[in-house]
């Protein structure tokens, strides 16, 4: 029994590329520093199906760590960081979790072990081991540059208006 996915023709290549990256190919080490260098970022996390509860437990502790931090950069990172879980199972039954950082904090370090260590120094080793053991194939980071925002007012030549209030007629 197959799964039918409807994707607009213009987006099919992108979807295929993302799925190939996430499930088949490039999978950097989850221990590497996670810094973002663009307007927004995505981090794909491919998790073993029997380890989703462990991953979500660590995500709960990560949320606590972000909220407890007194560091203004960490507080700013928390404002734009969301975690989504794929409804459909991936290959081998793995579960895809996507972190969306929008806006990205270019001066921030999204490395989970560092954030956990700052908040929970006595628990970090156990938490990070649980986190690492949950992965089926590592993380994939994608930096995204905004080229269009369909919900914002348009200025001259179809560009995003810098001051939408000034563009409105009186």
N, C-alpha and C. Protein backbone atom coordinates (compact mmCIF):
# COMPACT_ATOMS: atom_id res chain seq x y z
N UNK A 1 0.85 -1.17 0.00
CA UNK A 1 0.00 0.00 0.00
C UNK A 1 0.88 1.23 0.00
N UNK A 2 0.75 2.09 -0.99
CA UNK A 2 1.59 3.28 -1.10
C UNK A 2 0.94 4.49 -0.46
N UNK A 3 1.75 5.49 -0.27
CA UNK A 3 1.29 6.76 0.28
C UNK A 3 1.28 7.76 -0.85
N UNK A 4 0.18 8.46 -1.02
CA UNK A 4 0.09 9.48 -2.05
C UNK A 4 0.32 10.83 -1.42
N UNK A 5 1.26 11.57 -1.97
CA UNK A 5 1.55 12.91 -1.48
C UNK A 5 1.32 13.87 -2.63
N UNK A 6 0.50 14.86 -2.43
CA UNK A 6 0.23 15.86 -3.46
C UNK A 6 1.10 17.06 -3.19
N UNK A 7 1.98 17.38 -4.14
CA UNK A 7 2.90 18.50 -4.04
C UNK A 7 2.79 19.28 -5.33
N UNK A 8 2.66 20.60 -5.26
CA UNK A 8 2.63 21.38 -6.50
C UNK A 8 3.86 21.07 -7.35
N UNK A 9 3.69 21.08 -8.65
CA UNK A 9 4.77 20.71 -9.56
C UNK A 9 6.04 21.49 -9.29
N UNK A 10 5.93 22.77 -8.99
CA UNK A 10 7.11 23.60 -8.78
C UNK A 10 7.90 23.18 -7.54
N UNK A 11 7.25 22.51 -6.58
CA UNK A 11 7.91 22.13 -5.35
C UNK A 11 8.39 20.70 -5.28
N UNK A 12 8.09 19.89 -6.28
CA UNK A 12 8.44 18.47 -6.21
C UNK A 12 9.93 18.24 -6.10
N UNK A 13 10.72 18.94 -6.88
CA UNK A 13 12.17 18.76 -6.84
C UNK A 13 12.71 19.10 -5.47
N UNK A 14 12.21 20.18 -4.89
CA UNK A 14 12.64 20.59 -3.56
C UNK A 14 12.30 19.52 -2.53
N UNK A 15 11.07 19.01 -2.58
CA UNK A 15 10.63 17.99 -1.62
C UNK A 15 11.48 16.74 -1.77
N UNK A 16 11.74 16.31 -2.99
CA UNK A 16 12.56 15.12 -3.23
C UNK A 16 13.97 15.35 -2.69
N UNK A 17 14.53 16.53 -2.92
CA UNK A 17 15.88 16.83 -2.43
C UNK A 17 15.93 16.80 -0.90
N UNK A 18 14.94 17.41 -0.27
CA UNK A 18 14.90 17.42 1.20
C UNK A 18 14.78 16.01 1.74
N UNK A 19 13.90 15.20 1.17
CA UNK A 19 13.73 13.83 1.64
C UNK A 19 15.01 13.01 1.43
N UNK A 20 15.67 13.23 0.31
CA UNK A 20 16.92 12.51 0.06
C UNK A 20 17.98 12.89 1.09
N UNK A 21 18.07 14.16 1.39
CA UNK A 21 19.03 14.62 2.39
C UNK A 21 18.70 14.05 3.75
N UNK A 22 17.43 14.12 4.12
CA UNK A 22 17.01 13.71 5.45
C UNK A 22 17.15 12.21 5.66
N UNK A 23 16.68 11.42 4.72
CA UNK A 23 16.60 9.99 4.95
C UNK A 23 17.70 9.15 4.30
N UNK A 24 18.37 9.67 3.29
CA UNK A 24 19.28 8.82 2.55
C UNK A 24 20.74 9.24 2.62
N UNK A 25 20.98 10.51 2.75
CA UNK A 25 22.34 10.93 2.53
C UNK A 25 23.00 11.63 3.68
N UNK A 26 23.39 12.82 3.40
CA UNK A 26 24.20 13.61 4.29
C UNK A 26 23.60 13.66 5.68
N UNK A 27 24.37 13.28 6.68
CA UNK A 27 23.89 13.29 8.06
C UNK A 27 25.03 13.69 8.99
N UNK A 28 25.20 14.98 9.21
CA UNK A 28 26.30 15.42 10.06
C UNK A 28 26.14 14.93 11.51
N UNK A 29 27.21 14.99 12.21
CA UNK A 29 27.28 14.57 13.60
C UNK A 29 26.39 15.44 14.48
N UNK A 30 25.62 14.82 15.37
CA UNK A 30 24.75 15.58 16.28
C UNK A 30 25.56 16.30 17.34
N UNK A 31 26.86 16.00 17.44
CA UNK A 31 27.72 16.65 18.43
C UNK A 31 28.29 17.96 17.92
N UNK A 32 28.17 18.24 16.62
CA UNK A 32 28.75 19.44 16.04
C UNK A 32 28.02 20.70 16.50
N UNK A 33 28.76 21.82 16.51
CA UNK A 33 28.15 23.09 16.88
C UNK A 33 27.07 23.45 15.86
N UNK A 34 25.98 24.00 16.34
CA UNK A 34 24.87 24.37 15.48
C UNK A 34 24.70 25.88 15.49
N UNK A 35 25.25 26.51 14.47
CA UNK A 35 25.11 27.95 14.30
C UNK A 35 24.39 28.19 12.98
N UNK A 36 23.56 29.21 12.95
CA UNK A 36 22.82 29.54 11.74
C UNK A 36 23.36 30.86 11.19
N UNK A 37 23.41 30.97 9.87
CA UNK A 37 24.01 32.15 9.26
C UNK A 37 23.06 32.86 8.29
N UNK A 38 21.79 32.58 8.38
CA UNK A 38 20.83 33.18 7.44
C UNK A 38 19.62 33.70 8.21
N UNK A 39 18.59 34.10 7.46
CA UNK A 39 17.38 34.67 8.06
C UNK A 39 16.64 33.66 8.94
N UNK A 40 16.63 32.42 8.51
CA UNK A 40 15.93 31.35 9.23
C UNK A 40 16.70 30.06 9.03
N UNK A 41 16.34 29.05 9.78
CA UNK A 41 17.02 27.78 9.63
C UNK A 41 16.10 26.62 9.97
N UNK A 42 16.44 25.48 9.40
CA UNK A 42 15.76 24.22 9.70
C UNK A 42 16.83 23.23 10.13
N UNK A 43 16.48 22.42 11.11
CA UNK A 43 17.34 21.28 11.45
C UNK A 43 16.43 20.06 11.46
N UNK A 44 16.77 19.10 10.60
CA UNK A 44 16.03 17.85 10.49
C UNK A 44 16.66 16.84 11.44
N UNK A 45 15.84 16.19 12.24
CA UNK A 45 16.29 15.20 13.22
C UNK A 45 15.58 13.89 12.92
N UNK A 46 16.32 12.88 12.50
CA UNK A 46 15.75 11.58 12.17
C UNK A 46 15.91 10.67 13.39
N UNK A 47 14.78 10.35 14.02
CA UNK A 47 14.77 9.67 15.31
C UNK A 47 14.25 8.24 15.17
N UNK A 48 14.88 7.32 15.91
CA UNK A 48 14.44 5.92 15.92
C UNK A 48 13.01 5.86 16.46
N UNK A 49 12.17 5.02 15.86
CA UNK A 49 10.76 4.98 16.28
C UNK A 49 10.56 4.60 17.74
N UNK A 50 11.45 3.80 18.29
CA UNK A 50 11.30 3.39 19.69
C UNK A 50 11.96 4.37 20.67
N UNK A 51 12.48 5.48 20.14
CA UNK A 51 13.17 6.46 20.98
C UNK A 51 12.49 7.84 20.96
N UNK A 52 11.28 7.91 20.40
CA UNK A 52 10.62 9.22 20.32
C UNK A 52 10.31 9.79 21.71
N UNK A 53 9.92 8.95 22.64
CA UNK A 53 9.63 9.44 24.00
C UNK A 53 10.89 10.02 24.64
N UNK A 54 12.03 9.36 24.41
CA UNK A 54 13.30 9.88 24.95
C UNK A 54 13.64 11.23 24.32
N UNK A 55 13.49 11.31 22.99
CA UNK A 55 13.79 12.57 22.30
C UNK A 55 12.89 13.69 22.82
N UNK A 56 11.60 13.39 22.95
CA UNK A 56 10.66 14.41 23.42
C UNK A 56 10.91 14.80 24.88
N UNK A 57 11.38 13.86 25.69
CA UNK A 57 11.76 14.18 27.06
C UNK A 57 12.91 15.20 27.07
N UNK A 58 13.91 14.96 26.23
CA UNK A 58 15.04 15.89 26.15
C UNK A 58 14.58 17.23 25.59
N UNK A 59 13.64 17.22 24.64
CA UNK A 59 13.13 18.49 24.12
C UNK A 59 12.41 19.28 25.23
N UNK A 60 11.74 18.57 26.14
CA UNK A 60 11.11 19.23 27.28
C UNK A 60 12.14 19.88 28.19
N UNK A 61 13.24 19.17 28.44
CA UNK A 61 14.31 19.71 29.27
C UNK A 61 15.01 20.87 28.55
N UNK A 62 15.13 20.76 27.23
CA UNK A 62 15.73 21.84 26.45
C UNK A 62 14.87 23.10 26.57
N UNK A 63 13.57 22.94 26.49
CA UNK A 63 12.67 24.09 26.64
C UNK A 63 12.86 24.73 28.02
N UNK A 64 12.95 23.90 29.05
CA UNK A 64 13.19 24.43 30.40
C UNK A 64 14.51 25.19 30.45
N UNK A 65 15.55 24.63 29.85
CA UNK A 65 16.87 25.26 29.85
C UNK A 65 16.82 26.62 29.14
N UNK A 66 16.14 26.67 28.01
CA UNK A 66 16.02 27.93 27.28
C UNK A 66 15.26 28.97 28.11
N UNK A 67 14.20 28.55 28.78
CA UNK A 67 13.40 29.48 29.58
C UNK A 67 14.13 29.94 30.84
N UNK A 68 15.00 29.10 31.39
CA UNK A 68 15.73 29.43 32.61
C UNK A 68 16.91 30.37 32.34
N UNK A 69 17.39 30.39 31.13
CA UNK A 69 18.61 31.14 30.82
C UNK A 69 18.43 32.63 31.06
N UNK A 70 19.49 33.23 31.57
CA UNK A 70 19.53 34.69 31.75
C UNK A 70 20.22 35.36 30.57
N UNK A 71 20.78 34.57 29.67
CA UNK A 71 21.50 35.08 28.50
C UNK A 71 20.51 35.65 27.49
N UNK A 72 20.61 36.94 27.14
CA UNK A 72 19.66 37.54 26.20
C UNK A 72 19.66 36.86 24.82
N UNK A 73 20.80 36.37 24.38
CA UNK A 73 20.88 35.68 23.09
C UNK A 73 20.09 34.38 23.14
N UNK A 74 20.22 33.64 24.22
CA UNK A 74 19.50 32.38 24.38
C UNK A 74 18.00 32.65 24.46
N UNK A 75 17.61 33.69 25.18
CA UNK A 75 16.18 34.05 25.26
C UNK A 75 15.64 34.41 23.88
N UNK A 76 16.43 35.12 23.08
CA UNK A 76 16.02 35.47 21.71
C UNK A 76 15.91 34.22 20.84
N UNK A 77 16.84 33.28 21.00
CA UNK A 77 16.79 32.03 20.24
C UNK A 77 15.51 31.27 20.55
N UNK A 78 15.13 31.23 21.83
CA UNK A 78 13.94 30.49 22.26
C UNK A 78 12.67 31.05 21.61
N UNK A 79 12.63 32.35 21.39
CA UNK A 79 11.44 32.99 20.81
C UNK A 79 11.12 32.47 19.41
N UNK A 80 12.12 32.15 18.62
CA UNK A 80 11.88 31.73 17.25
C UNK A 80 12.06 30.24 17.00
N UNK A 81 12.32 29.46 18.05
CA UNK A 81 12.65 28.03 17.91
C UNK A 81 11.41 27.20 18.18
N UNK A 82 10.99 26.44 17.18
CA UNK A 82 9.82 25.56 17.30
C UNK A 82 10.24 24.14 16.90
N UNK A 83 9.57 23.16 17.48
CA UNK A 83 9.84 21.75 17.18
C UNK A 83 8.56 21.14 16.62
N UNK A 84 8.67 20.54 15.44
CA UNK A 84 7.55 19.86 14.80
C UNK A 84 7.89 18.38 14.63
N UNK A 85 6.85 17.55 14.67
CA UNK A 85 6.99 16.12 14.46
C UNK A 85 6.20 15.72 13.22
N UNK A 86 6.81 14.98 12.34
CA UNK A 86 6.12 14.51 11.14
C UNK A 86 5.00 13.55 11.52
N UNK A 87 3.88 13.70 10.86
CA UNK A 87 2.74 12.82 11.11
C UNK A 87 2.97 11.48 10.42
N UNK A 88 3.56 11.51 9.24
CA UNK A 88 3.81 10.29 8.47
C UNK A 88 5.16 9.68 8.88
N UNK A 89 5.23 8.35 8.96
CA UNK A 89 6.51 7.70 9.27
C UNK A 89 7.44 7.78 8.06
N UNK A 90 8.71 7.83 8.35
CA UNK A 90 9.72 7.84 7.29
C UNK A 90 10.21 6.44 6.99
N UNK A 91 11.23 6.32 6.13
CA UNK A 91 11.81 5.02 5.83
C UNK A 91 12.26 4.31 7.10
N UNK A 92 12.11 3.03 7.13
CA UNK A 92 12.46 2.18 8.28
C UNK A 92 11.65 2.55 9.52
N UNK A 93 10.56 3.27 9.32
CA UNK A 93 9.72 3.66 10.44
C UNK A 93 10.27 4.79 11.27
N UNK A 94 11.39 5.38 10.86
CA UNK A 94 11.98 6.48 11.61
C UNK A 94 11.01 7.65 11.65
N UNK A 95 11.21 8.52 12.64
CA UNK A 95 10.32 9.66 12.84
C UNK A 95 11.12 10.93 12.61
N UNK A 96 10.58 11.81 11.80
CA UNK A 96 11.24 13.07 11.48
C UNK A 96 10.73 14.18 12.40
N UNK A 97 11.65 14.81 13.10
CA UNK A 97 11.37 16.02 13.89
C UNK A 97 12.09 17.16 13.19
N UNK A 98 11.41 18.27 13.03
CA UNK A 98 12.00 19.43 12.36
C UNK A 98 12.02 20.59 13.35
N UNK A 99 13.20 21.15 13.52
CA UNK A 99 13.33 22.37 14.30
C UNK A 99 13.27 23.52 13.32
N UNK A 100 12.43 24.47 13.58
CA UNK A 100 12.33 25.66 12.75
C UNK A 100 12.77 26.84 13.59
N UNK A 101 13.79 27.54 13.12
CA UNK A 101 14.28 28.72 13.80
C UNK A 101 13.98 29.92 12.89
N UNK A 102 12.94 30.66 13.25
CA UNK A 102 12.52 31.79 12.41
C UNK A 102 11.96 32.89 13.31
N UNK A 103 12.71 33.96 13.46
CA UNK A 103 13.99 34.25 12.81
C UNK A 103 15.13 33.50 13.50
N UNK A 104 16.19 33.29 12.73
CA UNK A 104 17.40 32.69 13.28
C UNK A 104 18.19 33.77 14.01
N UNK A 105 18.88 33.38 15.05
CA UNK A 105 19.77 34.28 15.78
C UNK A 105 21.18 33.92 15.35
N UNK A 106 21.75 34.74 14.47
CA UNK A 106 23.04 34.43 13.88
C UNK A 106 24.18 34.40 14.89
N UNK A 107 24.01 35.08 16.01
CA UNK A 107 25.05 35.08 17.04
C UNK A 107 24.83 33.97 18.06
N UNK A 108 23.77 33.20 17.88
CA UNK A 108 23.43 32.15 18.84
C UNK A 108 24.09 30.82 18.51
N UNK A 109 24.21 30.00 19.53
CA UNK A 109 24.73 28.65 19.38
C UNK A 109 23.59 27.70 19.75
N UNK A 110 23.04 27.02 18.76
CA UNK A 110 21.90 26.12 18.95
C UNK A 110 22.34 24.71 19.36
N UNK A 111 23.56 24.54 19.82
CA UNK A 111 24.05 23.24 20.23
C UNK A 111 23.34 22.80 21.50
N UNK A 112 22.60 21.71 21.41
CA UNK A 112 21.78 21.23 22.51
C UNK A 112 22.61 20.94 23.75
N UNK A 113 23.76 20.27 23.58
CA UNK A 113 24.58 19.91 24.74
C UNK A 113 25.04 21.15 25.50
N UNK A 114 25.38 22.21 24.81
CA UNK A 114 25.81 23.44 25.47
C UNK A 114 24.67 24.08 26.26
N UNK A 115 23.51 24.15 25.64
CA UNK A 115 22.35 24.75 26.31
C UNK A 115 21.97 23.94 27.55
N UNK A 116 21.96 22.62 27.42
CA UNK A 116 21.64 21.76 28.55
C UNK A 116 22.71 21.87 29.65
N UNK A 117 23.97 21.92 29.26
CA UNK A 117 25.06 22.01 30.24
C UNK A 117 24.98 23.30 31.06
N UNK A 118 24.61 24.39 30.39
CA UNK A 118 24.49 25.66 31.11
C UNK A 118 23.38 25.61 32.16
N UNK A 119 22.30 24.94 31.86
CA UNK A 119 21.14 24.89 32.76
C UNK A 119 21.20 23.73 33.75
N UNK A 120 21.69 22.59 33.29
CA UNK A 120 21.65 21.37 34.10
C UNK A 120 23.02 20.68 34.12
N UNK A 121 24.02 21.31 34.74
CA UNK A 121 25.37 20.74 34.68
C UNK A 121 25.49 19.34 35.28
N UNK A 122 24.66 19.02 36.25
CA UNK A 122 24.75 17.70 36.88
C UNK A 122 24.01 16.62 36.07
N UNK A 123 23.12 17.02 35.18
CA UNK A 123 22.33 16.07 34.39
C UNK A 123 22.75 15.99 32.93
N UNK A 124 23.59 16.90 32.49
CA UNK A 124 23.85 17.04 31.06
C UNK A 124 24.37 15.76 30.41
N UNK A 125 25.23 15.04 31.10
CA UNK A 125 25.79 13.83 30.48
C UNK A 125 24.69 12.81 30.20
N UNK A 126 23.82 12.58 31.17
CA UNK A 126 22.73 11.62 30.99
C UNK A 126 21.73 12.10 29.93
N UNK A 127 21.38 13.39 29.99
CA UNK A 127 20.44 13.95 29.00
C UNK A 127 21.01 13.85 27.59
N UNK A 128 22.29 14.20 27.46
CA UNK A 128 22.87 14.18 26.12
C UNK A 128 23.03 12.76 25.59
N UNK A 129 23.32 11.82 26.46
CA UNK A 129 23.39 10.42 26.03
C UNK A 129 22.03 9.94 25.53
N UNK A 130 20.97 10.30 26.25
CA UNK A 130 19.60 9.96 25.84
C UNK A 130 19.29 10.60 24.49
N UNK A 131 19.67 11.86 24.33
CA UNK A 131 19.48 12.60 23.09
C UNK A 131 20.21 11.93 21.94
N UNK A 132 21.49 11.65 22.12
CA UNK A 132 22.30 11.03 21.06
C UNK A 132 21.80 9.65 20.67
N UNK A 133 21.42 8.85 21.66
CA UNK A 133 20.96 7.49 21.40
C UNK A 133 19.64 7.45 20.63
N UNK A 134 18.89 8.53 20.63
CA UNK A 134 17.60 8.57 19.94
C UNK A 134 17.75 8.68 18.43
N UNK A 135 18.90 9.14 17.95
CA UNK A 135 19.08 9.41 16.53
C UNK A 135 19.28 8.15 15.70
N UNK A 136 18.57 8.12 14.57
CA UNK A 136 18.75 7.06 13.59
C UNK A 136 19.87 7.41 12.62
N UNK A 137 19.97 8.71 12.27
CA UNK A 137 20.99 9.09 11.29
C UNK A 137 21.50 10.52 11.43
N UNK A 138 21.38 11.13 12.55
CA UNK A 138 21.98 12.44 12.75
C UNK A 138 21.07 13.59 12.40
N UNK A 139 21.68 14.77 12.30
CA UNK A 139 20.96 16.00 12.02
C UNK A 139 21.38 16.55 10.67
N UNK A 140 20.48 17.32 10.07
CA UNK A 140 20.76 18.01 8.82
C UNK A 140 20.33 19.46 9.00
N UNK A 141 21.25 20.38 8.83
CA UNK A 141 20.99 21.80 9.01
C UNK A 141 20.83 22.47 7.65
N UNK A 142 19.83 23.33 7.54
CA UNK A 142 19.59 24.09 6.31
C UNK A 142 19.41 25.55 6.70
N UNK A 143 20.29 26.43 6.18
CA UNK A 143 20.14 27.86 6.35
C UNK A 143 19.24 28.38 5.24
N UNK A 144 18.30 29.27 5.58
CA UNK A 144 17.32 29.77 4.62
C UNK A 144 17.37 31.29 4.53
N UNK A 145 17.40 31.78 3.31
CA UNK A 145 17.37 33.22 3.07
C UNK A 145 15.98 33.60 2.59
N UNK A 146 15.36 34.58 3.23
CA UNK A 146 14.03 35.05 2.83
C UNK A 146 14.13 35.81 1.51
N UNK A 147 13.33 35.38 0.54
CA UNK A 147 13.26 36.10 -0.73
C UNK A 147 11.89 36.69 -0.97
N UNK A 148 10.89 36.20 -0.24
CA UNK A 148 9.53 36.73 -0.41
C UNK A 148 8.70 36.36 0.81
N UNK A 149 7.88 37.30 1.24
CA UNK A 149 6.94 37.05 2.33
C UNK A 149 5.56 37.43 1.81
N UNK A 150 4.74 36.45 1.54
CA UNK A 150 3.46 36.70 0.89
C UNK A 150 2.46 37.42 1.78
N UNK A 151 2.69 37.44 3.08
CA UNK A 151 1.78 38.10 3.99
C UNK A 151 2.11 39.56 4.26
N UNK A 152 3.20 40.07 3.68
CA UNK A 152 3.60 41.44 3.91
C UNK A 152 3.22 42.32 2.72
N UNK A 153 3.01 43.61 3.00
CA UNK A 153 2.68 44.56 1.95
C UNK A 153 3.85 44.67 0.97
N UNK A 154 3.53 44.94 -0.28
CA UNK A 154 4.55 45.03 -1.31
C UNK A 154 4.89 46.48 -1.61
N UNK A 155 6.14 46.72 -1.86
CA UNK A 155 6.62 48.04 -2.24
C UNK A 155 6.87 48.08 -3.73
N UNK A 156 7.64 49.05 -4.20
CA UNK A 156 7.96 49.17 -5.62
C UNK A 156 8.66 47.91 -6.14
N UNK A 157 8.40 47.55 -7.35
CA UNK A 157 9.03 46.43 -8.05
C UNK A 157 8.79 45.09 -7.37
N UNK A 158 7.69 44.98 -6.62
CA UNK A 158 7.35 43.70 -6.01
C UNK A 158 8.18 43.30 -4.81
N UNK A 159 8.96 44.20 -4.26
CA UNK A 159 9.79 43.89 -3.10
C UNK A 159 8.99 44.12 -1.82
N UNK A 160 9.41 43.50 -0.74
CA UNK A 160 8.76 43.68 0.55
C UNK A 160 8.92 45.13 0.98
N UNK A 161 7.81 45.76 1.35
CA UNK A 161 7.86 47.15 1.82
C UNK A 161 8.52 47.20 3.17
N UNK A 162 9.48 48.11 3.34
CA UNK A 162 10.18 48.21 4.60
C UNK A 162 9.29 48.83 5.68
N UNK A 163 8.39 49.70 5.27
CA UNK A 163 7.49 50.35 6.22
C UNK A 163 6.09 50.28 5.66
N UNK A 164 5.35 49.15 5.91
CA UNK A 164 4.03 48.96 5.33
C UNK A 164 3.04 50.06 5.69
N UNK A 165 3.19 50.67 6.86
CA UNK A 165 2.27 51.74 7.27
C UNK A 165 2.41 52.94 6.35
N UNK A 166 3.65 53.27 5.97
CA UNK A 166 3.90 54.42 5.10
C UNK A 166 3.36 54.19 3.69
N UNK A 167 3.15 52.95 3.28
CA UNK A 167 2.70 52.63 1.95
C UNK A 167 1.17 52.75 1.80
N UNK A 168 0.45 52.83 2.91
CA UNK A 168 -1.00 52.84 2.85
C UNK A 168 -1.51 54.24 2.53
N UNK A 169 -2.53 54.35 1.64
CA UNK A 169 -3.11 55.66 1.33
C UNK A 169 -3.89 56.19 2.54
N UNK A 170 -3.97 57.50 2.61
CA UNK A 170 -4.69 58.11 3.74
C UNK A 170 -6.13 58.32 3.42
